[in-house]
Amino acid sequence: IYLAFEVLQSILKMSYWQRNSIQDVRRYGTTVNVPNNDVAKCMYYLNCVCNVIEYDDDNIQRYKNYENWRNLSDYEDYLVFILCLTLSPDEFEDRVFFQDDDLCGDSANQFYEIGQVRHHLVAAQSIVIAGQTRHVNRIMAYKQSWMNNNYTQPMLNLARRFSPQQQQSLQCVIS
């Protein structure tokens, strides 16, 4: 059953203060330090995506390990950029990503594991990404500053880096 953002927001807030409204709702996650690098921030974003949906394919593991961003080649940086475009917040907003400062508390983002909800209301149980159905493991609440810092601004910077004009200016011509 699809649950509108406002309803989910109300239910989650109520569950935070009154545990009997929802069975088995838990905050999930730890505080992390993301390197101040556009690729690292995008890799962290991918890691968050993989936290909320079942997307643990072996071929994505390297691209969500933001602590090792320096080990990626320029081509792999580009792949991270393309993955983030494919797995953009537009795919997840109001389904498994929810902008809600209150649910974040003192953090910029917060994950929630949601069990069974009274009256069988639940967040999306699965989501279709690139033609494949993925199981929803959690939801993530975030502050707009988190999205700006870990997706929007890094993606704008990487778009400039990977633009055809920028690529031409980086090429060396020997005559």
C-alpha atoms as a PDB file:
ATOM      1  CA  ILE A   1       0.000   0.000   0.000  1.00  0.00           C
ATOM      2  CA  TYR A   2       1.419   3.360  -0.993  1.00  0.00           C
ATOM      3  CA  LEU A   3       1.632   5.823   1.865  1.00  0.00           C
ATOM      4  CA  ALA A   4       1.615   9.556   1.146  1.00  0.00           C
ATOM      5  CA  PHE A   5       4.448  11.595   2.579  1.00  0.00           C
ATOM      6  CA  GLU A   6       2.251  13.492   5.023  1.00  0.00           C
ATOM      7  CA  VAL A   7       0.762  10.313   6.437  1.00  0.00           C
ATOM      8  CA  LEU A   8       4.164   8.647   6.818  1.00  0.00           C
ATOM      9  CA  GLN A   9       5.604  11.768   8.396  1.00  0.00           C
ATOM     10  CA  SER A  10       2.775  11.880  10.923  1.00  0.00           C
ATOM     11  CA  ILE A  11       3.069   8.173  11.665  1.00  0.00           C
ATOM     12  CA  LEU A  12       6.834   8.352  12.137  1.00  0.00           C
ATOM     13  CA  LYS A  13       6.615  11.379  14.403  1.00  0.00           C
ATOM     14  CA  MET A  14       3.886   9.710  16.414  1.00  0.00           C
ATOM     15  CA  SER A  15       5.921   6.510  16.647  1.00  0.00           C
ATOM     16  CA  TYR A  16       8.953   8.397  17.835  1.00  0.00           C
ATOM     17  CA  TRP A  17       6.981   9.714  20.785  1.00  0.00           C
ATOM     18  CA  GLN A  18       4.431   6.931  21.194  1.00  0.00           C
ATOM     19  CA  ARG A  19       5.885   3.496  20.456  1.00  0.00           C
ATOM     20  CA  ASN A  20       2.451   1.853  20.546  1.00  0.00           C
ATOM     21  CA  SER A  21       1.360   3.542  17.295  1.00  0.00           C
ATOM     22  CA  ILE A  22       3.808   1.542  15.212  1.00  0.00           C
ATOM     23  CA  GLN A  23       5.317  -1.780  16.053  1.00  0.00           C
ATOM     24  CA  ASP A  24       9.069  -2.117  15.611  1.00  0.00           C
ATOM     25  CA  VAL A  25      10.318   1.319  14.519  1.00  0.00           C
ATOM     26  CA  ARG A  26      13.966   1.886  15.220  1.00  0.00           C
ATOM     27  CA  ARG A  27      16.490   4.551  14.431  1.00  0.00           C
ATOM     28  CA  TYR A  28      19.384   3.052  12.587  1.00  0.00           C
ATOM     29  CA  GLY A  29      22.858   4.272  11.726  1.00  0.00           C
ATOM     30  CA  THR A  30      26.044   5.766  13.013  1.00  0.00           C
ATOM     31  CA  THR A  31      27.827   9.079  12.692  1.00  0.00           C
ATOM     32  CA  VAL A  32      30.290   9.109   9.814  1.00  0.00           C
ATOM     33  CA  ASN A  33      32.953  11.467   8.528  1.00  0.00           C
ATOM     34  CA  VAL A  34      32.756  11.934   4.788  1.00  0.00           C
ATOM     35  CA  PRO A  35      35.868  13.349   3.096  1.00  0.00           C
ATOM     36  CA  ASN A  36      35.444  16.844   1.686  1.00  0.00           C
ATOM     37  CA  ASN A  37      35.587  15.691  -1.928  1.00  0.00           C
ATOM     38  CA  ASP A  38      32.838  15.654  -4.553  1.00  0.00           C
ATOM     39  CA  VAL A  39      33.415  12.025  -5.538  1.00  0.00           C
ATOM     40  CA  ALA A  40      33.556  10.911  -1.888  1.00  0.00           C
ATOM     41  CA  LYS A  41      30.295  12.726  -1.145  1.00  0.00           C
ATOM     42  CA  CYS A  42      28.598  11.090  -4.121  1.00  0.00           C
ATOM     43  CA  MET A  43      29.920   7.711  -2.990  1.00  0.00           C
ATOM     44  CA  TYR A  44      28.451   8.403   0.450  1.00  0.00           C
ATOM     45  CA  TYR A  45      25.132   9.237  -1.221  1.00  0.00           C
ATOM     46  CA  LEU A  46      25.283   5.868  -3.039  1.00  0.00           C
ATOM     47  CA  ASN A  47      26.021   4.174   0.275  1.00  0.00           C
ATOM     48  CA  CYS A  48      22.893   5.776   1.743  1.00  0.00           C
ATOM     49  CA  VAL A  49      20.836   4.612  -1.244  1.00  0.00           C
ATOM     50  CA  CYS A  50      22.097   1.065  -0.711  1.00  0.00           C
ATOM     51  CA  ASN A  51      21.166   1.363   2.974  1.00  0.00           C
ATOM     52  CA  VAL A  52      17.517   2.007   2.189  1.00  0.00           C
ATOM     53  CA  ILE A  53      17.033  -0.373  -0.725  1.00  0.00           C
ATOM     54  CA  GLU A  54      18.321  -3.847  -1.400  1.00  0.00           C
ATOM     55  CA  TYR A  55      21.102  -2.914  -3.799  1.00  0.00           C
ATOM     56  CA  ASP A  56      24.101  -4.932  -2.722  1.00  0.00           C
ATOM     57  CA  ASP A  57      25.303  -6.115  -6.109  1.00  0.00           C
ATOM     58  CA  ASP A  58      29.027  -6.801  -6.087  1.00  0.00           C
ATOM     59  CA  ASN A  59      29.591  -4.360  -8.921  1.00  0.00           C
ATOM     60  CA  ILE A  60      28.440  -1.372  -6.829  1.00  0.00           C
ATOM     61  CA  GLN A  61      30.418  -2.114  -3.654  1.00  0.00           C
ATOM     62  CA  ARG A  62      33.548  -0.275  -4.817  1.00  0.00           C
ATOM     63  CA  TYR A  63      31.541   2.823  -5.722  1.00  0.00           C
ATOM     64  CA  LYS A  64      29.897   3.263  -2.340  1.00  0.00           C
ATOM     65  CA  ASN A  65      33.080   2.907  -0.273  1.00  0.00           C
ATOM     66  CA  TYR A  66      33.540   6.659   0.178  1.00  0.00           C
ATOM     67  CA  GLU A  67      36.496   6.308   2.535  1.00  0.00           C
ATOM     68  CA  ASN A  68      38.551   4.942  -0.379  1.00  0.00           C
ATOM     69  CA  TRP A  69      37.546   7.545  -2.960  1.00  0.00           C
ATOM     70  CA  ARG A  70      41.222   8.257  -3.752  1.00  0.00           C
ATOM     71  CA  ASN A  71      41.639   4.725  -5.105  1.00  0.00           C
ATOM     72  CA  LEU A  72      39.258   5.341  -8.006  1.00  0.00           C
ATOM     73  CA  SER A  73      40.485   6.159 -11.485  1.00  0.00           C
ATOM     74  CA  ASP A  74      39.104   9.135 -13.406  1.00  0.00           C
ATOM     75  CA  TYR A  75      36.912   6.721 -15.344  1.00  0.00           C
ATOM     76  CA  GLU A  76      35.567   5.256 -12.077  1.00  0.00           C
ATOM     77  CA  ASP A  77      34.878   8.793 -10.832  1.00  0.00           C
ATOM     78  CA  TYR A  78      32.774   9.199 -13.963  1.00  0.00           C
ATOM     79  CA  LEU A  79      30.974   5.911 -13.208  1.00  0.00           C
ATOM     80  CA  VAL A  80      30.125   7.196  -9.717  1.00  0.00           C
ATOM     81  CA  PHE A  81      28.693  10.310 -11.355  1.00  0.00           C
ATOM     82  CA  ILE A  82      26.595   8.203 -13.758  1.00  0.00           C
ATOM     83  CA  LEU A  83      25.395   5.923 -10.930  1.00  0.00           C
ATOM     84  CA  CYS A  84      24.298   8.961  -8.935  1.00  0.00           C
ATOM     85  CA  LEU A  85      22.434  10.315 -11.954  1.00  0.00           C
ATOM     86  CA  THR A  86      20.701   6.966 -12.376  1.00  0.00           C
ATOM     87  CA  LEU A  87      19.926   6.644  -8.663  1.00  0.00           C
ATOM     88  CA  SER A  88      18.942  10.287  -8.233  1.00  0.00           C
ATOM     89  CA  PRO A  89      16.877  11.493  -5.278  1.00  0.00           C
ATOM     90  CA  ASP A  90      13.940  11.912  -7.676  1.00  0.00           C
ATOM     91  CA  GLU A  91      13.682   8.106  -7.737  1.00  0.00           C
ATOM     92  CA  PHE A  92      13.374   7.924  -3.944  1.00  0.00           C
ATOM     93  CA  GLU A  93      11.762  11.154  -2.731  1.00  0.00           C
ATOM     94  CA  ASP A  94       8.558  10.589  -0.771  1.00  0.00           C
ATOM     95  CA  ARG A  95       8.992   6.842  -1.180  1.00  0.00           C
ATOM     96  CA  VAL A  96      12.070   6.010   0.905  1.00  0.00           C
ATOM     97  CA  PHE A  97      13.741   9.456   1.256  1.00  0.00           C
ATOM     98  CA  PHE A  98      11.836  12.068   3.247  1.00  0.00           C
ATOM     99  CA  GLN A  99      12.905  15.639   3.857  1.00  0.00           C
ATOM    100  CA  ASP A 100      12.037  16.181   7.514  1.00  0.00           C
ATOM    101  CA  ASP A 101      14.224  18.125   9.926  1.00  0.00           C
ATOM    102  CA  ASP A 102      12.337  16.874  12.990  1.00  0.00           C
ATOM    103  CA  LEU A 103      12.950  13.211  12.195  1.00  0.00           C
ATOM    104  CA  CYS A 104      16.677  13.927  11.810  1.00  0.00           C
ATOM    105  CA  GLY A 105      17.120  15.309  15.299  1.00  0.00           C
ATOM    106  CA  ASP A 106      20.657  16.653  15.667  1.00  0.00           C
ATOM    107  CA  SER A 107      21.886  14.765  12.594  1.00  0.00           C
ATOM    108  CA  ALA A 108      21.770  15.885   8.976  1.00  0.00           C
ATOM    109  CA  ASN A 109      20.110  12.577   8.085  1.00  0.00           C
ATOM    110  CA  GLN A 110      18.632   9.634   9.951  1.00  0.00           C
ATOM    111  CA  PHE A 111      17.739   6.102   8.932  1.00  0.00           C
ATOM    112  CA  TYR A 112      14.712   4.255  10.256  1.00  0.00           C
ATOM    113  CA  GLU A 113      13.920   0.570  10.176  1.00  0.00           C
ATOM    114  CA  ILE A 114      10.184   0.159  10.014  1.00  0.00           C
ATOM    115  CA  GLY A 115       8.429  -2.991  11.053  1.00  0.00           C
ATOM    116  CA  GLN A 116       4.746  -3.645  10.869  1.00  0.00           C
ATOM    117  CA  VAL A 117       2.518  -0.603  11.136  1.00  0.00           C
ATOM    118  CA  ARG A 118      -0.885  -0.769  12.775  1.00  0.00           C
ATOM    119  CA  HIS A 119      -3.654  -0.982  10.144  1.00  0.00           C
ATOM    120  CA  HIS A 120      -1.060  -2.383   7.724  1.00  0.00           C
ATOM    121  CA  LEU A 121       0.140   1.028   6.510  1.00  0.00           C
ATOM    122  CA  VAL A 122       3.751   0.811   5.401  1.00  0.00           C
ATOM    123  CA  ALA A 123       6.225   2.733   3.332  1.00  0.00           C
ATOM    124  CA  ALA A 124       6.870   1.350  -0.127  1.00  0.00           C
ATOM    125  CA  GLN A 125       7.896  -2.292   0.297  1.00  0.00           C
ATOM    126  CA  SER A 126       9.743  -2.354  -2.997  1.00  0.00           C
ATOM    127  CA  ILE A 127      10.921   0.101  -5.589  1.00  0.00           C
ATOM    128  CA  VAL A 128      11.733  -0.370  -9.274  1.00  0.00           C
ATOM    129  CA  ILE A 129      15.184   0.875 -10.289  1.00  0.00           C
ATOM    130  CA  ALA A 130      16.434   0.453 -13.854  1.00  0.00           C
ATOM    131  CA  GLY A 131      13.747  -2.138 -14.510  1.00  0.00           C
ATOM    132  CA  GLN A 132      14.588  -4.255 -11.460  1.00  0.00           C
ATOM    133  CA  THR A 133      12.467  -4.503  -8.328  1.00  0.00           C
ATOM    134  CA  ARG A 134      14.457  -3.752  -5.181  1.00  0.00           C
ATOM    135  CA  HIS A 135      13.266  -4.479  -1.645  1.00  0.00           C
ATOM    136  CA  VAL A 136      13.035  -1.490   0.723  1.00  0.00           C
ATOM    137  CA  ASN A 137      15.092  -2.114   3.861  1.00  0.00           C
ATOM    138  CA  ARG A 138      14.712   1.268   5.593  1.00  0.00           C
ATOM    139  CA  ILE A 139      13.750   4.846   5.026  1.00  0.00           C
ATOM    140  CA  MET A 140      15.947   7.901   5.374  1.00  0.00           C
ATOM    141  CA  ALA A 141      14.905  11.292   6.702  1.00  0.00           C
ATOM    142  CA  TYR A 142      17.195  14.155   5.761  1.00  0.00           C
ATOM    143  CA  LYS A 143      17.643  17.883   6.100  1.00  0.00           C
ATOM    144  CA  GLN A 144      17.893  19.884   2.888  1.00  0.00           C
ATOM    145  CA  SER A 145      21.464  20.826   3.836  1.00  0.00           C
ATOM    146  CA  TRP A 146      22.365  17.109   3.770  1.00  0.00           C
ATOM    147  CA  MET A 147      21.022  16.717   0.221  1.00  0.00           C
ATOM    148  CA  ASN A 148      22.752  19.904  -0.932  1.00  0.00           C
ATOM    149  CA  ASN A 149      26.068  18.852   0.611  1.00  0.00           C
ATOM    150  CA  ASN A 150      26.059  15.182  -0.410  1.00  0.00           C
ATOM    151  CA  TYR A 151      24.258  15.180  -3.741  1.00  0.00           C
ATOM    152  CA  THR A 152      23.220  18.466  -5.339  1.00  0.00           C
ATOM    153  CA  GLN A 153      26.444  20.485  -5.084  1.00  0.00           C
ATOM    154  CA  PRO A 154      28.860  17.575  -5.698  1.00  0.00           C
ATOM    155  CA  MET A 155      26.840  16.522  -8.757  1.00  0.00           C
ATOM    156  CA  LEU A 156      26.912  20.071 -10.144  1.00  0.00           C
ATOM    157  CA  ASN A 157      30.679  20.150  -9.651  1.00  0.00           C
ATOM    158  CA  LEU A 158      31.138  16.732 -11.269  1.00  0.00           C
ATOM    159  CA  ALA A 159      28.874  17.727 -14.172  1.00  0.00           C
ATOM    160  CA  ARG A 160      31.243  20.629 -14.847  1.00  0.00           C
ATOM    161  CA  ARG A 161      34.252  18.332 -14.492  1.00  0.00           C
ATOM    162  CA  PHE A 162      32.857  15.805 -16.952  1.00  0.00           C
ATOM    163  CA  SER A 163      31.364  18.290 -19.425  1.00  0.00           C
ATOM    164  CA  PRO A 164      32.697  17.968 -22.996  1.00  0.00           C
ATOM    165  CA  GLN A 165      34.084  21.522 -22.878  1.00  0.00           C
ATOM    166  CA  GLN A 166      36.010  20.800 -19.687  1.00  0.00           C
ATOM    167  CA  GLN A 167      37.340  17.542 -21.145  1.00  0.00           C
ATOM    168  CA  GLN A 168      38.674  19.399 -24.204  1.00  0.00           C
ATOM    169  CA  SER A 169      40.439  22.001 -22.093  1.00  0.00           C
ATOM    170  CA  LEU A 170      42.169  19.249 -20.110  1.00  0.00           C
ATOM    171  CA  GLN A 171      43.552  17.534 -23.196  1.00  0.00           C
ATOM    172  CA  CYS A 172      47.167  18.208 -23.957  1.00  0.00           C
ATOM    173  CA  VAL A 173      48.043  19.026 -27.550  1.00  0.00           C
ATOM    174  CA  ILE A 174      51.618  18.418 -28.647  1.00  0.00           C
ATOM    175  CA  SER A 175      52.625  19.876 -31.977  1.00  0.00           C
END
